[in-house]
Amino acid sequence: MTLYHKNGIKKSLKILLIFSFLHCIIQRNMNCRFLPPGRELSVRFSIVRPLKIGSSDAVFFVISGGISYMEQQSCLWDFTRYTILSILGTLGVSCYILADTFFVAKGLGTNGLAALNLAIPVYNFIHGTGLMLGMGGATRFSICKSQQKTNEVNRVYTNTIYLALIFSGIFVLGGFFFSRQIAVLLGADTSILEMTNTYLYWLMLFAPAFILNDVFLCFVRNDGSPQLPMIAQLTGSLANILLDYIFIFPLGMGIFGAIFATGLSPVISIIIMLPHWIRKKNTFHFVKTGLRKYIIKQDLSLGFPSLIAQMSSGIVMITFNAIILMLAGNTGVAAYGVVANISLVIVAVYTGIAQGVQPLISTFYGVGNGRQVKEVLKYALTTMLSISVIVYLVIFVFADPITTVFNSEHDLRLQQISVTGLKLYFMSVPFVGYNIILATFFTSIERVLPAHILS
């Protein structure tokens, strides 16, 4: 930009600022805004040199600079993309147990269903541990990545893997030496003890696969690749369904076949994610570093709400199983198993929404863009409430045929208890969703105390 007159610097600056103001108005009318760091307009200029031409008294001041901005559509598109892919992925994980429930009910009847339901709380603890480490580590990873802290990113990832291996070892040792005692403690009687013990033993031996799968899913999703975790989870889920059928029916492997199929699913999921490392698309790397106390503390504190959410489900199931065993025996436990396992699918949807928005919220928070943090939260809560209404209407209308799918022996008592239970239990779904999303929101912005209270 070139402006005239030797005394015209002030006038020149006025013109430049007016030009800037007009661009601001245009931006606002177009609903444009910056992504992080959240400023709507950047104006820069400098006087390069005075320039006199010929014998004229006029002096030109050469001004370099300009107005820079970028147009950015509403973050609704990013929210939609991340959330849909995340929900599809978490639905895949929830189908691990749901597929077991369906095929065990068909192949092993009421006793098999009761044994499976007694063992599921342990899966909640394993999956909760994986989510705690994955969500805690990935939240710090996303914030550090947005702040260009490459070395810290690698230290966070490496320490998270260390923790995953430590917790995996604890579960493996527990399953190897104490699976039968745990089965008895959970309420298994002589008629279902062997089936419960078998499921628990192999479930806990496969704990490293479950935990590492959760960690990798969270990190890859936060590394700008939401599609790959979704593909990995869905592939693992479909493999679980197929292997469940093959192992239980043609091969007649019973409940061992069910847990073996479930244990192989996260292994398949991890294999599907390997291209993220092979093609060197990852921005996180395993490095030589020791355990860092502050990273461990951050991982555990930020991820703790995810663990509590899963543990609370497991504790509720253990408590309900104990009460129902006294009131209605194995049939009552089997009926509650139908309700609880379907609820896992709904919780998976809410978890998918929460995990989908976490990378966005952490990134916006990391660079100080509070407006889009609030916008993403609003989208998440609106989506959750809409899904809750639809889910309850479907459950209320179709409770009877849904129960029939899992009632292979056509037990009238099981059918009646399950139908009533579904209609009552699912009245709570909006509150469950609200809790999960808000806890994840506070975790994503490093507000540990509110996240813990909500959990």
Protein backbone atom coordinates (compact mmCIF):
# COMPACT_ATOMS: atom_id res chain seq x y z
CA MET A 1 0.00 0.00 0.00
CA THR A 2 1.42 3.40 -0.95
CA LEU A 3 0.16 6.67 0.59
CA TYR A 4 0.93 10.31 -0.29
CA HIS A 5 2.26 13.46 1.37
CA LYS A 6 5.26 13.96 3.54
CA ASN A 7 3.09 14.73 6.56
CA GLY A 8 0.65 11.94 5.79
CA ILE A 9 1.68 9.14 8.10
CA LYS A 10 -1.28 9.65 10.49
CA LYS A 11 -3.65 9.85 7.57
CA SER A 12 -2.13 6.70 6.13
CA LEU A 13 -2.65 4.81 9.35
CA LYS A 14 -6.26 6.02 9.57
CA ILE A 15 -6.96 4.71 6.09
CA LEU A 16 -5.40 1.36 6.96
CA LEU A 17 -7.43 1.04 10.17
CA ILE A 18 -10.67 1.96 8.35
CA PHE A 19 -9.86 -0.72 5.81
CA SER A 20 -9.29 -3.16 8.67
CA PHE A 21 -12.60 -2.21 10.29
CA LEU A 22 -14.49 -2.88 7.05
CA HIS A 23 -12.92 -6.34 6.88
CA CYS A 24 -14.05 -7.00 10.45
CA ILE A 25 -17.63 -6.13 9.51
CA ILE A 26 -17.48 -8.37 6.46
CA GLN A 27 -16.13 -11.21 8.56
CA ARG A 28 -18.89 -10.91 11.15
CA ASN A 29 -21.61 -10.73 8.51
CA MET A 30 -20.20 -13.87 6.89
CA ASN A 31 -20.14 -15.63 10.29
CA CYS A 32 -16.43 -16.21 9.79
CA ARG A 33 -14.07 -16.74 12.67
CA PHE A 34 -10.67 -18.01 13.45
CA LEU A 35 -9.86 -21.41 14.70
CA PRO A 36 -7.33 -21.28 17.52
CA PRO A 37 -6.01 -18.89 18.74
CA GLY A 38 -9.49 -17.45 18.27
CA ARG A 39 -8.76 -13.95 16.98
CA GLU A 40 -10.96 -12.67 14.24
CA LEU A 41 -8.50 -10.31 12.54
CA SER A 42 -4.76 -9.88 12.33
CA VAL A 43 -3.47 -6.49 11.13
CA ARG A 44 0.22 -5.85 10.56
CA PHE A 45 2.08 -3.02 8.85
CA SER A 46 5.40 -1.24 8.87
CA ILE A 47 6.91 1.80 7.18
CA VAL A 48 9.58 0.50 4.89
CA ARG A 49 11.06 3.80 3.72
CA PRO A 50 10.15 7.35 2.58
CA LEU A 51 10.36 7.73 -1.19
CA LYS A 52 10.69 11.08 -3.06
CA ILE A 53 10.01 11.07 -6.79
CA GLY A 54 11.47 13.70 -9.09
CA SER A 55 11.41 17.40 -8.10
CA SER A 56 7.98 17.16 -6.53
CA ASP A 57 7.50 18.17 -2.92
CA ALA A 58 5.36 15.09 -2.42
CA VAL A 59 6.86 12.24 -0.47
CA PHE A 60 5.57 8.70 -0.72
CA PHE A 61 5.61 6.51 2.34
CA VAL A 62 5.82 2.85 1.35
CA ILE A 63 3.79 0.84 3.78
CA SER A 64 4.21 -2.93 3.88
CA GLY A 65 1.72 -5.09 5.58
CA GLY A 66 -1.85 -6.14 5.30
CA ILE A 67 -4.77 -7.82 6.86
CA SER A 68 -4.74 -11.55 7.28
CA TYR A 69 -7.61 -13.77 8.27
CA MET A 70 -8.91 -17.18 7.53
CA GLU A 71 -12.48 -18.22 6.96
CA GLN A 72 -13.64 -21.05 9.11
CA GLN A 73 -17.02 -22.68 8.95
CA SER A 74 -18.83 -23.63 12.13
CA CYS A 75 -17.21 -26.49 14.03
CA LEU A 76 -20.47 -28.42 13.53
CA TRP A 77 -18.86 -30.35 10.67
CA ASP A 78 -15.89 -31.42 12.77
CA PHE A 79 -18.23 -32.30 15.63
CA THR A 80 -20.40 -34.42 13.32
CA ARG A 81 -17.44 -36.22 11.76
CA TYR A 82 -15.64 -37.01 15.01
CA THR A 83 -18.82 -37.95 16.89
CA ILE A 84 -20.32 -40.26 14.28
CA LEU A 85 -17.03 -42.10 13.79
CA SER A 86 -16.51 -42.36 17.54
CA ILE A 87 -20.05 -43.65 18.19
CA LEU A 88 -19.64 -46.31 15.51
CA GLY A 89 -16.39 -47.37 17.14
CA THR A 90 -17.70 -47.52 20.72
CA LEU A 91 -20.76 -49.41 19.50
CA GLY A 92 -18.33 -51.93 18.07
CA VAL A 93 -16.68 -52.36 21.48
CA SER A 94 -20.05 -52.73 23.23
CA CYS A 95 -20.94 -55.48 20.79
CA TYR A 96 -18.12 -57.61 22.23
CA ILE A 97 -20.29 -58.43 25.22
CA LEU A 98 -23.65 -58.09 23.45
CA ALA A 99 -22.61 -60.71 20.88
CA ASP A 100 -21.52 -63.02 23.70
CA THR A 101 -24.89 -62.47 25.38
CA PHE A 102 -26.83 -63.35 22.26
CA PHE A 103 -24.86 -66.47 21.31
CA VAL A 104 -24.48 -67.72 24.91
CA ALA A 105 -28.25 -67.32 25.40
CA LYS A 106 -28.89 -69.30 22.21
CA GLY A 107 -26.26 -71.95 22.83
CA LEU A 108 -26.14 -72.36 26.62
CA GLY A 109 -29.53 -71.13 27.82
CA THR A 110 -30.41 -69.45 31.11
CA ASN A 111 -27.44 -70.82 33.10
CA GLY A 112 -24.97 -69.62 30.48
CA LEU A 113 -26.58 -66.19 30.46
CA ALA A 114 -26.43 -66.01 34.27
CA ALA A 115 -22.74 -67.04 34.30
CA LEU A 116 -21.92 -64.41 31.69
CA ASN A 117 -23.75 -61.70 33.61
CA LEU A 118 -21.84 -62.49 36.80
CA ALA A 119 -18.53 -62.13 34.94
CA ILE A 120 -19.31 -58.89 33.06
CA PRO A 121 -18.42 -56.53 35.97
CA VAL A 122 -14.80 -57.65 35.66
CA TYR A 123 -14.90 -56.60 32.00
CA ASN A 124 -16.15 -53.19 33.19
CA PHE A 125 -13.09 -52.86 35.43
CA ILE A 126 -10.69 -53.86 32.63
CA HIS A 127 -12.35 -51.61 30.05
CA GLY A 128 -12.54 -48.79 32.61
CA THR A 129 -8.81 -49.08 33.26
CA GLY A 130 -8.10 -48.89 29.52
CA LEU A 131 -10.32 -45.83 29.14
CA MET A 132 -8.76 -44.17 32.17
CA LEU A 133 -5.28 -44.46 30.69
CA GLY A 134 -6.40 -43.76 27.12
CA MET A 135 -8.57 -40.72 27.87
CA GLY A 136 -6.17 -39.31 30.47
CA GLY A 137 -3.09 -39.71 28.28
CA ALA A 138 -4.81 -38.63 25.06
CA THR A 139 -6.21 -35.48 26.70
CA ARG A 140 -2.72 -34.37 27.71
CA PHE A 141 -1.40 -35.44 24.30
CA SER A 142 -3.97 -33.31 22.47
CA ILE A 143 -3.31 -30.23 24.62
CA CYS A 144 0.49 -30.57 24.32
CA LYS A 145 0.23 -31.19 20.59
CA SER A 146 -1.81 -28.00 20.06
CA GLN A 147 0.88 -26.12 22.00
CA GLN A 148 3.68 -27.63 19.86
CA LYS A 149 5.31 -29.45 22.81
CA THR A 150 6.71 -32.38 20.81
CA ASN A 151 8.99 -33.83 23.50
CA GLU A 152 6.23 -33.73 26.09
CA VAL A 153 3.86 -35.47 23.66
CA ASN A 154 6.27 -38.41 23.37
CA ARG A 155 6.85 -38.59 27.12
CA VAL A 156 3.08 -38.65 27.77
CA TYR A 157 2.56 -41.46 25.24
CA THR A 158 5.47 -43.55 26.56
CA ASN A 159 4.41 -43.24 30.19
CA THR A 160 0.84 -44.14 29.26
CA ILE A 161 2.10 -47.37 27.66
CA TYR A 162 4.12 -48.11 30.80
CA LEU A 163 1.00 -47.74 32.93
CA ALA A 164 -1.03 -49.90 30.54
CA LEU A 165 1.49 -52.73 30.87
CA ILE A 166 1.57 -52.45 34.66
CA PHE A 167 -2.22 -52.62 35.04
CA SER A 168 -2.41 -55.41 32.45
CA GLY A 169 0.03 -57.46 34.52
CA ILE A 170 -2.14 -57.02 37.62
CA PHE A 171 -5.24 -58.32 35.81
CA VAL A 172 -3.35 -61.24 34.24
CA LEU A 173 -1.95 -62.37 37.60
CA GLY A 174 -5.40 -61.99 39.19
CA GLY A 175 -7.01 -64.15 36.53
CA PHE A 176 -4.28 -66.79 36.57
CA PHE A 177 -4.31 -67.33 40.32
CA PHE A 178 -7.70 -66.13 41.62
CA SER A 179 -10.36 -66.52 38.89
CA ARG A 180 -12.28 -69.22 40.77
CA GLN A 181 -12.30 -67.25 44.02
CA ILE A 182 -13.49 -64.18 42.15
CA ALA A 183 -16.30 -66.22 40.54
CA VAL A 184 -17.47 -67.42 43.95
CA LEU A 185 -17.22 -63.90 45.34
CA LEU A 186 -19.42 -62.63 42.50
CA GLY A 187 -22.14 -65.12 43.47
CA ALA A 188 -21.67 -68.12 41.17
CA ASP A 189 -23.29 -71.25 42.61
CA THR A 190 -22.35 -74.84 41.79
CA SER A 191 -24.58 -74.95 38.70
CA ILE A 192 -22.76 -72.09 36.95
CA LEU A 193 -19.39 -71.93 38.77
CA GLU A 194 -17.38 -73.69 36.08
CA MET A 195 -18.77 -71.54 33.27
CA THR A 196 -18.23 -68.33 35.26
CA ASN A 197 -14.68 -69.37 36.18
CA THR A 198 -13.80 -70.20 32.57
CA TYR A 199 -15.07 -66.87 31.29
CA LEU A 200 -13.29 -64.88 34.02
CA TYR A 201 -9.99 -66.76 33.64
CA TRP A 202 -9.63 -66.05 29.93
CA LEU A 203 -11.14 -62.56 30.15
CA MET A 204 -8.43 -61.50 32.60
CA LEU A 205 -5.66 -63.17 30.58
CA PHE A 206 -6.74 -61.08 27.59
CA ALA A 207 -6.63 -57.87 29.70
CA PRO A 208 -3.45 -56.56 27.97
CA ALA A 209 -5.21 -56.64 24.60
CA PHE A 210 -8.28 -54.82 25.93
CA ILE A 211 -6.29 -52.13 27.77
CA LEU A 212 -3.74 -51.46 25.00
CA ASN A 213 -6.55 -51.35 22.44
CA ASP A 214 -8.33 -48.64 24.46
CA VAL A 215 -5.10 -46.63 24.75
CA PHE A 216 -4.26 -46.86 21.04
CA LEU A 217 -7.82 -45.98 20.02
CA CYS A 218 -7.74 -42.79 22.10
CA PHE A 219 -4.31 -41.67 20.91
CA VAL A 220 -4.94 -42.34 17.22
CA ARG A 221 -8.30 -40.56 17.41
CA ASN A 222 -6.61 -37.52 19.00
CA ASP A 223 -3.90 -37.63 16.34
CA GLY A 224 -6.31 -36.42 13.66
CA SER A 225 -7.40 -39.87 12.40
CA PRO A 226 -10.91 -40.56 13.73
CA GLN A 227 -11.69 -42.88 10.81
CA LEU A 228 -9.04 -45.50 11.62
CA PRO A 229 -10.18 -46.19 15.22
CA MET A 230 -13.75 -46.52 13.95
CA ILE A 231 -12.69 -49.03 11.28
CA ALA A 232 -10.58 -50.93 13.81
CA GLN A 233 -13.39 -51.16 16.37
CA LEU A 234 -16.03 -52.19 13.84
CA THR A 235 -13.73 -54.79 12.30
CA GLY A 236 -12.98 -56.23 15.73
CA SER A 237 -16.68 -56.29 16.55
CA LEU A 238 -17.67 -58.03 13.32
CA ALA A 239 -14.88 -60.57 13.85
CA ASN A 240 -16.20 -61.18 17.37
CA ILE A 241 -19.71 -61.89 16.09
CA LEU A 242 -18.45 -64.26 13.40
CA LEU A 243 -16.06 -66.08 15.73
CA ASP A 244 -18.73 -66.31 18.46
CA TYR A 245 -20.97 -68.20 16.08
CA ILE A 246 -18.18 -70.48 14.80
CA PHE A 247 -16.76 -71.31 18.22
CA ILE A 248 -20.09 -71.86 20.03
CA PHE A 249 -22.12 -73.70 17.39
CA PRO A 250 -20.09 -75.54 14.70
CA LEU A 251 -17.07 -76.16 16.99
CA GLY A 252 -19.11 -76.60 20.21
CA MET A 253 -16.56 -74.78 22.39
CA GLY A 254 -19.22 -73.50 24.82
CA ILE A 255 -18.54 -70.46 26.98
CA PHE A 256 -14.79 -70.75 26.32
CA GLY A 257 -15.57 -70.13 22.66
CA ALA A 258 -17.48 -66.99 23.60
CA ILE A 259 -14.64 -65.45 25.63
CA PHE A 260 -11.97 -66.60 23.16
CA ALA A 261 -13.80 -64.78 20.35
CA THR A 262 -14.16 -61.69 22.55
CA GLY A 263 -10.47 -61.78 23.52
CA LEU A 264 -9.33 -61.96 19.90
CA SER A 265 -11.39 -58.91 18.93
CA PRO A 266 -9.13 -56.22 20.47
CA VAL A 267 -6.09 -58.00 19.02
CA ILE A 268 -7.64 -57.67 15.55
CA SER A 269 -8.49 -54.02 16.30
CA ILE A 270 -4.86 -53.25 17.21
CA ILE A 271 -3.62 -54.91 14.01
CA ILE A 272 -6.01 -52.74 11.95
CA MET A 273 -4.50 -49.59 13.54
CA LEU A 274 -0.89 -50.53 12.72
CA PRO A 275 -0.85 -48.53 9.44
CA HIS A 276 -0.95 -45.35 11.53
CA TRP A 277 2.59 -46.21 12.65
CA ILE A 278 3.79 -48.00 9.52
CA ARG A 279 2.92 -45.05 7.26
CA LYS A 280 4.47 -42.69 9.83
CA LYS A 281 1.29 -40.65 10.19
CA ASN A 282 1.63 -40.55 13.96
CA THR A 283 2.92 -37.50 15.81
CA PHE A 284 3.50 -39.49 19.02
CA HIS A 285 6.42 -41.88 19.46
CA PHE A 286 7.68 -44.34 22.05
CA VAL A 287 10.88 -42.84 23.45
CA LYS A 288 13.49 -43.81 25.97
CA THR A 289 12.33 -42.21 29.20
CA GLY A 290 11.61 -43.26 32.75
CA LEU A 291 8.31 -43.13 34.58
CA ARG A 292 7.50 -39.49 35.30
CA LYS A 293 5.46 -38.92 38.44
CA TYR A 294 3.76 -35.80 37.13
CA ILE A 295 2.67 -37.57 33.91
CA ILE A 296 1.36 -40.57 35.87
CA LYS A 297 -0.57 -38.21 38.12
CA GLN A 298 -2.01 -36.36 35.11
CA ASP A 299 -2.97 -39.59 33.32
CA LEU A 300 -4.68 -41.06 36.34
CA SER A 301 -6.43 -37.87 37.48
CA LEU A 302 -7.68 -36.86 34.01
CA GLY A 303 -8.75 -40.41 33.14
CA PHE A 304 -10.21 -41.28 36.54
CA PRO A 305 -13.78 -40.21 35.62
CA SER A 306 -13.75 -42.75 32.77
CA LEU A 307 -12.69 -45.48 35.18
CA ILE A 308 -15.34 -44.48 37.71
CA ALA A 309 -18.05 -44.52 35.05
CA GLN A 310 -17.18 -48.13 34.15
CA MET A 311 -16.54 -49.23 37.73
CA SER A 312 -19.85 -47.83 38.91
CA SER A 313 -21.62 -49.90 36.27
CA GLY A 314 -19.72 -52.96 37.42
CA ILE A 315 -20.45 -52.34 41.10
CA VAL A 316 -24.13 -51.76 40.37
CA MET A 317 -24.24 -55.04 38.44
CA ILE A 318 -22.53 -56.92 41.28
CA THR A 319 -24.97 -55.46 43.82
CA PHE A 320 -28.03 -56.13 41.67
CA ASN A 321 -26.85 -59.66 40.90
CA ALA A 322 -26.47 -60.42 44.61
CA ILE A 323 -29.94 -59.06 45.44
CA ILE A 324 -31.63 -60.69 42.43
CA LEU A 325 -30.01 -64.06 43.18
CA MET A 326 -31.72 -64.03 46.57
CA LEU A 327 -35.08 -62.89 45.17
CA ALA A 328 -35.37 -64.71 41.84
CA GLY A 329 -32.38 -67.04 41.45
CA ASN A 330 -30.47 -67.60 38.22
CA THR A 331 -33.53 -66.75 36.09
CA GLY A 332 -33.71 -63.31 37.67
CA VAL A 333 -29.97 -62.76 37.08
CA ALA A 334 -30.40 -63.82 33.46
CA ALA A 335 -33.28 -61.34 33.07
CA TYR A 336 -31.19 -58.56 34.56
CA GLY A 337 -28.40 -59.59 32.18
CA VAL A 338 -30.66 -58.77 29.22
CA VAL A 339 -31.35 -55.28 30.63
CA ALA A 340 -27.73 -54.61 31.62
CA ASN A 341 -26.23 -55.73 28.32
CA ILE A 342 -28.59 -53.60 26.26
CA SER A 343 -27.77 -50.67 28.53
CA LEU A 344 -24.09 -51.19 27.67
CA VAL A 345 -24.94 -50.38 24.06
CA ILE A 346 -26.68 -47.13 25.02
CA VAL A 347 -23.84 -46.15 27.34
CA ALA A 348 -21.48 -46.86 24.43
CA VAL A 349 -23.36 -44.28 22.33
CA TYR A 350 -22.94 -41.63 25.04
CA THR A 351 -19.30 -42.62 25.50
CA GLY A 352 -18.88 -42.28 21.74
CA ILE A 353 -20.23 -38.72 21.84
CA ALA A 354 -17.92 -37.89 24.75
CA GLN A 355 -14.83 -39.43 23.14
CA GLY A 356 -15.70 -37.76 19.84
CA VAL A 357 -15.78 -34.25 21.28
CA GLN A 358 -12.78 -34.72 23.58
CA PRO A 359 -10.10 -34.11 20.90
CA LEU A 360 -11.93 -30.98 19.70
CA ILE A 361 -12.48 -29.56 23.18
CA SER A 362 -8.89 -30.28 24.28
CA THR A 363 -7.47 -28.67 21.14
CA PHE A 364 -9.63 -25.53 21.42
CA TYR A 365 -8.88 -25.32 25.13
CA GLY A 366 -5.15 -25.75 24.53
CA VAL A 367 -5.04 -22.62 22.35
CA GLY A 368 -7.54 -20.58 24.35
CA ASN A 369 -10.58 -20.67 22.06
CA GLY A 370 -13.32 -20.69 24.72
CA ARG A 371 -16.13 -19.87 22.30
CA GLN A 372 -15.74 -23.05 20.27
CA VAL A 373 -15.27 -25.11 23.44
CA LYS A 374 -18.77 -24.02 24.53
CA GLU A 375 -20.14 -24.57 21.04
CA VAL A 376 -18.91 -28.17 20.91
CA LEU A 377 -20.36 -28.86 24.38
CA LYS A 378 -23.74 -27.48 23.27
CA TYR A 379 -23.76 -29.77 20.22
CA ALA A 380 -22.86 -32.78 22.38
CA LEU A 381 -25.61 -32.24 24.95
CA THR A 382 -28.24 -31.55 22.28
CA THR A 383 -27.29 -34.74 20.43
CA MET A 384 -27.37 -36.78 23.64
CA LEU A 385 -30.84 -35.56 24.63
CA SER A 386 -32.25 -36.27 21.16
CA ILE A 387 -30.85 -39.81 21.19
CA SER A 388 -32.18 -40.39 24.72
CA VAL A 389 -35.74 -39.58 23.68
CA ILE A 390 -35.55 -41.86 20.65
CA VAL A 391 -34.00 -44.72 22.65
CA TYR A 392 -36.66 -44.67 25.35
CA LEU A 393 -39.50 -44.60 22.82
CA VAL A 394 -38.01 -47.61 21.02
CA ILE A 395 -37.48 -49.52 24.29
CA PHE A 396 -40.99 -48.72 25.55
CA VAL A 397 -42.67 -49.87 22.34
CA PHE A 398 -40.47 -52.87 21.50
CA ALA A 399 -39.43 -54.18 24.95
CA ASP A 400 -41.19 -57.52 24.39
CA PRO A 401 -39.63 -58.48 21.02
CA ILE A 402 -36.20 -57.25 22.21
CA THR A 403 -36.37 -59.61 25.21
CA THR A 404 -37.53 -62.49 23.02
CA VAL A 405 -34.26 -62.33 21.06
CA PHE A 406 -32.33 -63.33 24.23
CA ASN A 407 -34.92 -65.77 25.59
CA SER A 408 -34.12 -68.90 23.59
CA GLU A 409 -35.85 -71.20 26.12
CA HIS A 410 -39.06 -69.09 26.01
CA ASP A 411 -39.04 -68.76 29.79
CA LEU A 412 -42.18 -66.75 30.65
CA ARG A 413 -40.77 -65.57 33.98
CA LEU A 414 -37.56 -64.31 32.36
CA GLN A 415 -39.63 -62.57 29.67
CA GLN A 416 -41.87 -60.79 32.18
CA ILE A 417 -39.02 -59.60 34.41
CA SER A 418 -36.95 -58.38 31.46
CA VAL A 419 -39.77 -56.43 29.81
CA THR A 420 -40.66 -54.64 33.04
CA GLY A 421 -37.01 -54.02 33.82
CA LEU A 422 -36.29 -52.50 30.40
CA LYS A 423 -39.12 -49.98 30.68
CA LEU A 424 -38.08 -48.89 34.17
CA TYR A 425 -34.31 -48.98 33.76
CA PHE A 426 -34.15 -46.90 30.58
CA MET A 427 -35.98 -43.95 32.12
CA SER A 428 -32.55 -42.96 33.46
CA VAL A 429 -30.73 -42.73 30.12
CA PRO A 430 -30.73 -38.90 29.76
CA PHE A 431 -29.12 -38.54 33.18
CA VAL A 432 -26.50 -41.16 32.33
CA GLY A 433 -25.64 -39.36 29.10
CA TYR A 434 -25.49 -35.95 30.77
CA ASN A 435 -23.13 -37.32 33.40
CA ILE A 436 -20.77 -39.01 30.93
CA ILE A 437 -20.50 -36.01 28.60
CA LEU A 438 -20.00 -33.40 31.33
CA ALA A 439 -17.39 -35.55 33.11
CA THR A 440 -15.47 -35.90 29.84
CA PHE A 441 -15.85 -32.18 29.15
CA PHE A 442 -14.26 -31.21 32.46
CA THR A 443 -11.51 -33.79 31.90
CA SER A 444 -10.82 -32.29 28.46
CA ILE A 445 -10.23 -28.83 29.94
CA GLU A 446 -8.17 -30.19 32.86
CA ARG A 447 -10.83 -29.44 35.48
CA VAL A 448 -10.23 -32.56 37.51
CA LEU A 449 -12.38 -31.90 40.59
CA PRO A 450 -15.73 -31.32 38.80
CA ALA A 451 -15.03 -34.35 36.62
CA HIS A 452 -14.44 -36.51 39.70
CA ILE A 453 -17.56 -35.22 41.44
CA LEU A 454 -19.74 -35.96 38.41
CA SER A 455 -18.27 -39.44 38.10
